[in-house]
N, C-alpha and C. Protein backbone atom coordinates (compact mmCIF):
# COMPACT_ATOMS: atom_id res chain seq x y z
N MET A 1 -30.69 80.95 54.54
CA MET A 1 -32.12 81.19 54.46
C MET A 1 -32.76 80.66 55.73
N THR A 2 -33.66 81.44 56.27
CA THR A 2 -34.30 81.04 57.51
C THR A 2 -35.64 80.36 57.28
N SER A 3 -36.29 80.67 56.19
CA SER A 3 -37.56 80.02 55.86
C SER A 3 -37.55 79.75 54.36
N SER A 4 -38.71 79.74 53.75
CA SER A 4 -38.76 79.51 52.31
C SER A 4 -38.81 80.85 51.61
N PRO A 5 -37.81 81.14 50.79
CA PRO A 5 -37.88 82.40 50.06
C PRO A 5 -39.02 82.34 49.05
N ARG A 6 -39.52 83.51 48.71
CA ARG A 6 -40.62 83.61 47.76
C ARG A 6 -40.49 84.91 46.97
N LEU A 7 -41.12 84.93 45.82
CA LEU A 7 -41.16 86.14 45.00
C LEU A 7 -42.48 86.84 45.23
N GLU A 8 -42.42 88.17 45.21
CA GLU A 8 -43.64 88.98 45.32
C GLU A 8 -43.56 90.13 44.35
N ARG A 9 -44.71 90.54 43.85
CA ARG A 9 -44.79 91.75 43.03
C ARG A 9 -44.43 92.95 43.90
N ILE A 10 -43.97 94.01 43.26
CA ILE A 10 -43.71 95.26 43.97
C ILE A 10 -45.04 95.99 44.10
N THR A 11 -45.32 96.43 45.31
CA THR A 11 -46.57 97.14 45.59
C THR A 11 -46.24 98.49 46.22
N PRO A 12 -47.22 99.36 46.36
CA PRO A 12 -46.96 100.62 47.07
C PRO A 12 -46.41 100.37 48.48
N ALA A 13 -46.83 99.29 49.12
CA ALA A 13 -46.37 98.99 50.48
C ALA A 13 -44.91 98.53 50.52
N THR A 14 -44.39 97.98 49.41
CA THR A 14 -43.01 97.46 49.41
C THR A 14 -42.05 98.32 48.59
N LEU A 15 -42.56 99.35 47.94
CA LEU A 15 -41.74 100.16 47.04
C LEU A 15 -40.55 100.80 47.75
N ASP A 16 -40.77 101.45 48.89
CA ASP A 16 -39.65 102.12 49.57
C ASP A 16 -38.57 101.13 49.99
N ALA A 17 -38.97 99.97 50.48
CA ALA A 17 -37.98 98.95 50.85
C ALA A 17 -37.21 98.48 49.63
N ALA A 18 -37.90 98.32 48.51
CA ALA A 18 -37.23 97.90 47.28
C ALA A 18 -36.20 98.94 46.85
N LEU A 19 -36.56 100.21 46.92
CA LEU A 19 -35.65 101.28 46.51
C LEU A 19 -34.45 101.40 47.44
N ALA A 20 -34.60 100.98 48.68
CA ALA A 20 -33.51 101.07 49.66
C ALA A 20 -32.55 99.87 49.59
N LEU A 21 -32.89 98.85 48.83
CA LEU A 21 -32.06 97.64 48.75
C LEU A 21 -30.69 97.97 48.16
N ARG A 22 -29.62 97.51 48.80
CA ARG A 22 -28.26 97.79 48.34
C ARG A 22 -27.44 96.51 48.31
N VAL A 23 -26.65 96.36 47.23
CA VAL A 23 -25.69 95.26 47.14
C VAL A 23 -24.41 95.72 47.83
N HIS A 24 -23.40 94.83 47.91
CA HIS A 24 -22.10 95.22 48.44
C HIS A 24 -21.54 96.38 47.62
N PRO A 25 -20.88 97.33 48.26
CA PRO A 25 -20.33 98.47 47.51
C PRO A 25 -19.45 98.05 46.33
N HIS A 26 -18.65 96.99 46.46
CA HIS A 26 -17.78 96.59 45.35
C HIS A 26 -18.57 95.98 44.18
N GLN A 27 -19.87 95.69 44.39
CA GLN A 27 -20.70 95.13 43.33
C GLN A 27 -21.52 96.18 42.60
N GLU A 28 -21.53 97.40 43.10
CA GLU A 28 -22.39 98.44 42.53
C GLU A 28 -22.09 98.71 41.06
N LYS A 29 -20.84 98.51 40.65
CA LYS A 29 -20.50 98.74 39.24
C LYS A 29 -21.01 97.61 38.33
N ASN A 30 -21.42 96.51 38.92
CA ASN A 30 -21.85 95.34 38.15
C ASN A 30 -23.35 95.25 37.92
N VAL A 31 -24.14 95.97 38.69
CA VAL A 31 -25.60 95.84 38.57
C VAL A 31 -26.25 97.20 38.84
N ALA A 32 -27.26 97.50 38.05
CA ALA A 32 -27.98 98.77 38.21
C ALA A 32 -28.76 98.76 39.51
N PRO A 33 -28.95 99.92 40.11
CA PRO A 33 -29.79 99.99 41.31
C PRO A 33 -31.25 99.67 40.97
N VAL A 34 -31.99 99.27 41.98
CA VAL A 34 -33.39 98.88 41.80
C VAL A 34 -34.19 100.01 41.16
N VAL A 35 -33.93 101.25 41.51
CA VAL A 35 -34.69 102.36 40.95
C VAL A 35 -34.58 102.40 39.43
N LYS A 36 -33.39 102.14 38.88
CA LYS A 36 -33.23 102.12 37.43
C LYS A 36 -33.99 100.94 36.83
N SER A 37 -33.90 99.79 37.48
CA SER A 37 -34.61 98.61 36.99
C SER A 37 -36.12 98.85 36.95
N LEU A 38 -36.66 99.49 37.98
CA LEU A 38 -38.10 99.74 38.00
C LEU A 38 -38.50 100.74 36.92
N ALA A 39 -37.66 101.72 36.65
CA ALA A 39 -37.94 102.65 35.56
C ALA A 39 -37.93 101.90 34.23
N GLU A 40 -36.96 101.01 34.04
CA GLU A 40 -36.90 100.22 32.82
C GLU A 40 -38.11 99.28 32.71
N ALA A 41 -38.53 98.71 33.83
CA ALA A 41 -39.70 97.83 33.82
C ALA A 41 -40.93 98.62 33.37
N TYR A 42 -41.08 99.83 33.86
CA TYR A 42 -42.20 100.67 33.46
C TYR A 42 -42.13 100.97 31.96
N ALA A 43 -40.94 101.31 31.48
CA ALA A 43 -40.77 101.66 30.07
C ALA A 43 -40.95 100.46 29.14
N HIS A 44 -40.60 99.28 29.59
CA HIS A 44 -40.67 98.08 28.74
C HIS A 44 -41.96 97.30 28.88
N GLY A 45 -42.80 97.68 29.81
CA GLY A 45 -44.13 97.06 29.94
C GLY A 45 -44.10 95.56 30.15
N GLU A 46 -44.84 94.84 29.33
CA GLU A 46 -45.04 93.40 29.53
C GLU A 46 -43.80 92.55 29.30
N THR A 47 -42.74 93.10 28.71
CA THR A 47 -41.54 92.29 28.51
C THR A 47 -40.65 92.28 29.74
N ALA A 48 -40.95 93.11 30.74
CA ALA A 48 -40.18 93.12 31.99
C ALA A 48 -41.01 92.45 33.09
N TRP A 49 -40.32 91.68 33.92
CA TRP A 49 -40.99 90.92 34.99
C TRP A 49 -40.22 91.15 36.29
N PRO A 50 -40.47 92.29 36.98
CA PRO A 50 -39.75 92.59 38.22
C PRO A 50 -40.42 91.92 39.42
N ARG A 51 -39.60 91.40 40.34
CA ARG A 51 -40.11 90.78 41.55
C ARG A 51 -39.15 91.03 42.72
N LEU A 52 -39.71 91.08 43.90
CA LEU A 52 -38.91 91.15 45.13
C LEU A 52 -38.75 89.75 45.67
N ILE A 53 -37.62 89.52 46.34
CA ILE A 53 -37.35 88.23 46.98
C ILE A 53 -37.46 88.45 48.48
N PHE A 54 -38.39 87.75 49.09
CA PHE A 54 -38.60 87.83 50.53
C PHE A 54 -38.25 86.50 51.16
N ASP A 55 -37.74 86.56 52.38
CA ASP A 55 -37.56 85.39 53.23
C ASP A 55 -38.31 85.74 54.51
N GLY A 56 -39.45 85.12 54.69
CA GLY A 56 -40.33 85.55 55.78
C GLY A 56 -40.77 86.98 55.49
N ASP A 57 -40.62 87.86 56.48
CA ASP A 57 -40.97 89.27 56.30
C ASP A 57 -39.79 90.11 55.81
N ARG A 58 -38.65 89.48 55.66
CA ARG A 58 -37.42 90.21 55.32
C ARG A 58 -37.21 90.28 53.81
N LEU A 59 -37.03 91.50 53.29
CA LEU A 59 -36.68 91.69 51.89
C LEU A 59 -35.20 91.39 51.74
N VAL A 60 -34.87 90.43 50.88
CA VAL A 60 -33.47 90.03 50.70
C VAL A 60 -32.95 90.29 49.30
N GLY A 61 -33.83 90.59 48.35
CA GLY A 61 -33.34 90.82 47.01
C GLY A 61 -34.40 91.28 46.04
N PHE A 62 -33.93 91.54 44.84
CA PHE A 62 -34.75 91.99 43.73
C PHE A 62 -34.27 91.26 42.48
N LEU A 63 -35.19 90.89 41.62
CA LEU A 63 -34.82 90.35 40.32
C LEU A 63 -35.75 90.93 39.28
N MET A 64 -35.27 90.92 38.05
CA MET A 64 -36.13 91.29 36.94
C MET A 64 -35.77 90.38 35.76
N ALA A 65 -36.79 89.73 35.25
CA ALA A 65 -36.63 88.90 34.06
C ALA A 65 -37.04 89.71 32.83
N PHE A 66 -36.56 89.29 31.67
CA PHE A 66 -37.04 89.84 30.41
C PHE A 66 -37.72 88.70 29.67
N LEU A 67 -38.83 89.03 29.02
CA LEU A 67 -39.70 88.00 28.43
C LEU A 67 -39.89 88.24 26.94
N ASP A 68 -39.39 87.30 26.14
CA ASP A 68 -39.65 87.26 24.71
C ASP A 68 -39.30 88.59 24.02
N VAL A 69 -38.08 89.07 24.24
CA VAL A 69 -37.66 90.33 23.61
C VAL A 69 -36.88 90.06 22.33
N PRO A 70 -37.02 90.93 21.33
CA PRO A 70 -36.19 90.82 20.14
C PRO A 70 -34.74 91.06 20.54
N TRP A 71 -33.86 90.10 20.28
CA TRP A 71 -32.48 90.17 20.78
C TRP A 71 -31.62 91.10 19.93
N ALA A 72 -31.55 90.83 18.66
CA ALA A 72 -30.77 91.66 17.74
C ALA A 72 -31.59 91.76 16.44
N PRO A 73 -32.67 92.53 16.46
CA PRO A 73 -33.60 92.53 15.34
C PRO A 73 -32.98 92.91 14.00
N GLU A 74 -31.93 93.73 14.03
CA GLU A 74 -31.28 94.11 12.77
C GLU A 74 -30.55 92.92 12.15
N ARG A 75 -30.09 91.99 12.97
CA ARG A 75 -29.37 90.80 12.50
C ARG A 75 -30.31 89.63 12.24
N ASP A 76 -31.26 89.41 13.16
CA ASP A 76 -32.19 88.28 13.03
C ASP A 76 -33.51 88.65 13.70
N PRO A 77 -34.48 89.11 12.93
CA PRO A 77 -35.76 89.54 13.51
C PRO A 77 -36.50 88.42 14.25
N ALA A 78 -36.20 87.17 13.94
CA ALA A 78 -36.89 86.04 14.58
C ALA A 78 -36.26 85.64 15.91
N ASP A 79 -35.08 86.18 16.24
CA ASP A 79 -34.37 85.82 17.48
C ASP A 79 -34.98 86.57 18.66
N ARG A 80 -35.83 85.85 19.40
CA ARG A 80 -36.47 86.42 20.59
C ARG A 80 -36.00 85.62 21.78
N ARG A 81 -35.68 86.31 22.86
CA ARG A 81 -35.10 85.64 24.02
C ARG A 81 -35.75 86.09 25.32
N SER A 82 -35.60 85.22 26.32
CA SER A 82 -36.08 85.50 27.68
C SER A 82 -34.97 85.13 28.64
N GLY A 83 -34.97 85.77 29.79
CA GLY A 83 -33.95 85.44 30.78
C GLY A 83 -33.94 86.37 31.97
N LEU A 84 -32.85 86.34 32.67
CA LEU A 84 -32.66 87.15 33.87
C LEU A 84 -31.97 88.45 33.48
N TRP A 85 -32.66 89.55 33.73
CA TRP A 85 -32.16 90.87 33.36
C TRP A 85 -31.36 91.47 34.51
N ARG A 86 -31.89 91.39 35.72
CA ARG A 86 -31.22 91.97 36.88
C ARG A 86 -31.36 91.04 38.07
N LEU A 87 -30.32 91.05 38.91
CA LEU A 87 -30.36 90.32 40.18
C LEU A 87 -29.58 91.14 41.19
N ASN A 88 -30.28 91.62 42.20
CA ASN A 88 -29.67 92.38 43.28
C ASN A 88 -30.00 91.64 44.58
N VAL A 89 -28.99 91.10 45.23
CA VAL A 89 -29.18 90.48 46.55
C VAL A 89 -28.58 91.43 47.57
N SER A 90 -29.35 91.75 48.58
CA SER A 90 -28.93 92.68 49.62
C SER A 90 -27.58 92.27 50.20
N ALA A 91 -26.73 93.26 50.46
CA ALA A 91 -25.38 92.99 50.97
C ALA A 91 -25.42 92.08 52.20
N ASP A 92 -26.38 92.29 53.08
CA ASP A 92 -26.43 91.51 54.32
C ASP A 92 -27.11 90.15 54.15
N ALA A 93 -27.53 89.82 52.93
CA ALA A 93 -28.20 88.53 52.69
C ALA A 93 -27.41 87.66 51.72
N GLN A 94 -26.25 88.10 51.30
CA GLN A 94 -25.49 87.34 50.32
C GLN A 94 -24.85 86.10 50.94
N GLY A 95 -24.68 85.09 50.11
CA GLY A 95 -24.05 83.85 50.56
C GLY A 95 -25.01 82.89 51.23
N ALA A 96 -26.30 83.22 51.20
CA ALA A 96 -27.30 82.37 51.87
C ALA A 96 -28.17 81.60 50.88
N GLY A 97 -27.87 81.66 49.59
CA GLY A 97 -28.62 80.90 48.61
C GLY A 97 -29.73 81.66 47.90
N TYR A 98 -29.87 82.96 48.18
CA TYR A 98 -30.95 83.72 47.55
C TYR A 98 -30.72 83.93 46.05
N GLY A 99 -29.48 84.10 45.64
CA GLY A 99 -29.18 84.24 44.22
C GLY A 99 -29.54 82.98 43.47
N ARG A 100 -29.17 81.85 44.02
CA ARG A 100 -29.51 80.55 43.42
C ARG A 100 -31.03 80.38 43.35
N PHE A 101 -31.72 80.75 44.44
CA PHE A 101 -33.18 80.69 44.45
C PHE A 101 -33.76 81.56 43.33
N ALA A 102 -33.23 82.79 43.18
CA ALA A 102 -33.74 83.72 42.17
C ALA A 102 -33.59 83.15 40.77
N VAL A 103 -32.42 82.61 40.46
CA VAL A 103 -32.19 82.03 39.13
C VAL A 103 -33.16 80.87 38.91
N GLY A 104 -33.33 80.03 39.91
CA GLY A 104 -34.26 78.90 39.80
C GLY A 104 -35.70 79.35 39.63
N ALA A 105 -36.08 80.43 40.31
CA ALA A 105 -37.45 80.94 40.21
C ALA A 105 -37.72 81.49 38.81
N VAL A 106 -36.75 82.22 38.25
CA VAL A 106 -36.92 82.72 36.88
C VAL A 106 -36.96 81.55 35.90
N ALA A 107 -36.09 80.58 36.08
CA ALA A 107 -36.09 79.40 35.20
C ALA A 107 -37.46 78.71 35.26
N GLY A 108 -38.03 78.59 36.44
CA GLY A 108 -39.35 77.98 36.58
C GLY A 108 -40.43 78.77 35.87
N GLU A 109 -40.39 80.08 35.99
CA GLU A 109 -41.37 80.93 35.31
C GLU A 109 -41.23 80.81 33.79
N LEU A 110 -39.99 80.78 33.31
CA LEU A 110 -39.77 80.66 31.86
C LEU A 110 -40.23 79.30 31.35
N ARG A 111 -39.97 78.24 32.11
CA ARG A 111 -40.46 76.90 31.72
C ARG A 111 -41.98 76.91 31.64
N ARG A 112 -42.61 77.53 32.65
CA ARG A 112 -44.07 77.61 32.69
C ARG A 112 -44.61 78.31 31.44
N ARG A 113 -43.86 79.26 30.91
CA ARG A 113 -44.24 80.01 29.72
C ARG A 113 -43.82 79.31 28.43
N GLY A 114 -43.20 78.12 28.55
CA GLY A 114 -42.83 77.34 27.37
C GLY A 114 -41.49 77.71 26.76
N THR A 115 -40.64 78.38 27.52
CA THR A 115 -39.34 78.80 27.02
C THR A 115 -38.31 77.69 27.23
N ALA A 116 -37.46 77.46 26.24
CA ALA A 116 -36.48 76.37 26.30
C ALA A 116 -35.10 76.81 26.78
N ARG A 117 -34.81 78.12 26.70
CA ARG A 117 -33.49 78.61 27.11
C ARG A 117 -33.65 79.88 27.92
N MET A 118 -32.76 80.02 28.90
CA MET A 118 -32.73 81.21 29.75
C MET A 118 -31.40 81.92 29.52
N TYR A 119 -31.48 83.21 29.23
CA TYR A 119 -30.28 84.01 28.99
C TYR A 119 -30.00 84.92 30.17
N VAL A 120 -28.75 85.31 30.30
CA VAL A 120 -28.33 86.29 31.30
C VAL A 120 -27.10 87.00 30.74
N THR A 121 -26.91 88.23 31.15
CA THR A 121 -25.68 88.95 30.80
C THR A 121 -25.02 89.38 32.09
N TRP A 122 -23.69 89.50 32.05
CA TRP A 122 -22.98 89.97 33.24
C TRP A 122 -21.74 90.75 32.85
N GLU A 123 -21.36 91.61 33.79
CA GLU A 123 -20.13 92.38 33.64
C GLU A 123 -18.95 91.42 33.73
N PRO A 124 -18.04 91.50 32.77
CA PRO A 124 -16.86 90.63 32.85
C PRO A 124 -15.93 91.12 33.95
N GLY A 125 -15.02 90.27 34.36
CA GLY A 125 -14.01 90.69 35.33
C GLY A 125 -14.10 89.92 36.62
N GLU A 126 -13.08 90.11 37.40
CA GLU A 126 -12.88 89.38 38.65
C GLU A 126 -14.00 89.58 39.66
N ASP A 127 -14.52 90.82 39.76
CA ASP A 127 -15.60 91.10 40.72
C ASP A 127 -16.98 90.85 40.14
N GLY A 128 -17.05 90.48 38.87
CA GLY A 128 -18.34 90.24 38.23
C GLY A 128 -18.93 88.90 38.66
N PRO A 129 -20.20 88.66 38.32
CA PRO A 129 -20.88 87.44 38.75
C PRO A 129 -20.72 86.25 37.80
N GLY A 130 -19.76 86.29 36.89
CA GLY A 130 -19.61 85.21 35.92
C GLY A 130 -19.43 83.85 36.55
N ALA A 131 -18.60 83.75 37.57
CA ALA A 131 -18.36 82.45 38.22
C ALA A 131 -19.65 81.91 38.84
N PHE A 132 -20.45 82.79 39.43
CA PHE A 132 -21.73 82.39 40.01
C PHE A 132 -22.63 81.78 38.94
N TYR A 133 -22.78 82.46 37.81
CA TYR A 133 -23.65 81.95 36.75
C TYR A 133 -23.12 80.66 36.15
N ARG A 134 -21.81 80.56 35.98
CA ARG A 134 -21.25 79.31 35.43
C ARG A 134 -21.49 78.14 36.40
N ARG A 135 -21.38 78.38 37.71
CA ARG A 135 -21.66 77.31 38.69
C ARG A 135 -23.10 76.81 38.58
N LEU A 136 -24.00 77.69 38.14
CA LEU A 136 -25.41 77.30 38.00
C LEU A 136 -25.71 76.65 36.65
N GLY A 137 -24.69 76.50 35.82
CA GLY A 137 -24.86 75.80 34.56
C GLY A 137 -24.91 76.67 33.33
N PHE A 138 -24.84 77.98 33.47
CA PHE A 138 -24.83 78.85 32.29
C PHE A 138 -23.51 78.66 31.55
N ARG A 139 -23.60 78.71 30.23
CA ARG A 139 -22.39 78.68 29.40
C ARG A 139 -22.38 79.96 28.57
N THR A 140 -21.21 80.44 28.28
CA THR A 140 -21.12 81.66 27.48
C THR A 140 -21.46 81.34 26.04
N THR A 141 -22.06 82.32 25.36
CA THR A 141 -22.48 82.13 23.97
C THR A 141 -21.43 82.66 22.99
N GLY A 142 -20.47 83.42 23.49
CA GLY A 142 -19.51 84.08 22.62
C GLY A 142 -19.98 85.45 22.18
N GLU A 143 -21.19 85.81 22.56
CA GLU A 143 -21.75 87.12 22.22
C GLU A 143 -21.45 88.12 23.34
N GLU A 144 -21.61 89.38 22.99
CA GLU A 144 -21.61 90.45 23.98
C GLU A 144 -22.86 91.27 23.77
N SER A 145 -23.35 91.85 24.84
CA SER A 145 -24.50 92.74 24.78
C SER A 145 -24.19 93.93 25.66
N GLY A 146 -24.02 95.09 25.06
CA GLY A 146 -23.69 96.28 25.83
C GLY A 146 -22.39 96.13 26.61
N GLY A 147 -21.42 95.41 26.05
CA GLY A 147 -20.15 95.20 26.74
C GLY A 147 -20.18 94.08 27.77
N GLN A 148 -21.33 93.43 27.93
CA GLN A 148 -21.45 92.35 28.91
C GLN A 148 -21.38 90.99 28.22
N VAL A 149 -20.94 90.01 28.99
CA VAL A 149 -20.89 88.62 28.54
C VAL A 149 -22.32 88.08 28.49
N VAL A 150 -22.64 87.30 27.47
CA VAL A 150 -23.95 86.66 27.36
C VAL A 150 -23.81 85.19 27.70
N GLY A 151 -24.66 84.73 28.62
CA GLY A 151 -24.69 83.32 29.00
C GLY A 151 -26.06 82.73 28.73
N VAL A 152 -26.10 81.42 28.54
CA VAL A 152 -27.35 80.72 28.27
C VAL A 152 -27.41 79.44 29.09
N LEU A 153 -28.61 79.09 29.49
CA LEU A 153 -28.88 77.85 30.24
C LEU A 153 -30.03 77.15 29.55
N ASP A 154 -29.85 75.88 29.18
CA ASP A 154 -30.95 75.10 28.61
C ASP A 154 -31.88 74.70 29.76
N LEU A 155 -33.17 74.91 29.54
CA LEU A 155 -34.16 74.61 30.60
C LEU A 155 -34.77 73.24 30.41
């Protein structure tokens, strides 16, 4: 990181840059492209919290949190969760701490909203981000969501 990374809302001025953001080719199977995330954010309204990650004037990533969503309403209607839905760090910006910053920024936002736990899901496997999330303190819950591993971090 060259300066202090920060989160910004997506605006008409930053939309094209957001849509052009690409992860490493070997990671594309693990995370949806930004365009799909933005469509989901539009469809999910207030429960989606999409943000761009900038370092100075440089766009280095995208994240989207989910806020107070019913997790498995058919099993437990009272189980509502918040966490990190998507994290895309640009291929040329990886390894510089932006992913760690993004997780910390979402954790801070969730704490501000009074949330005690942060959830995340990830594609299992060697190329998946499981090791990254475990290094940040997430533990697996034993659940799966859409074939992905579910992790939780106490805030």
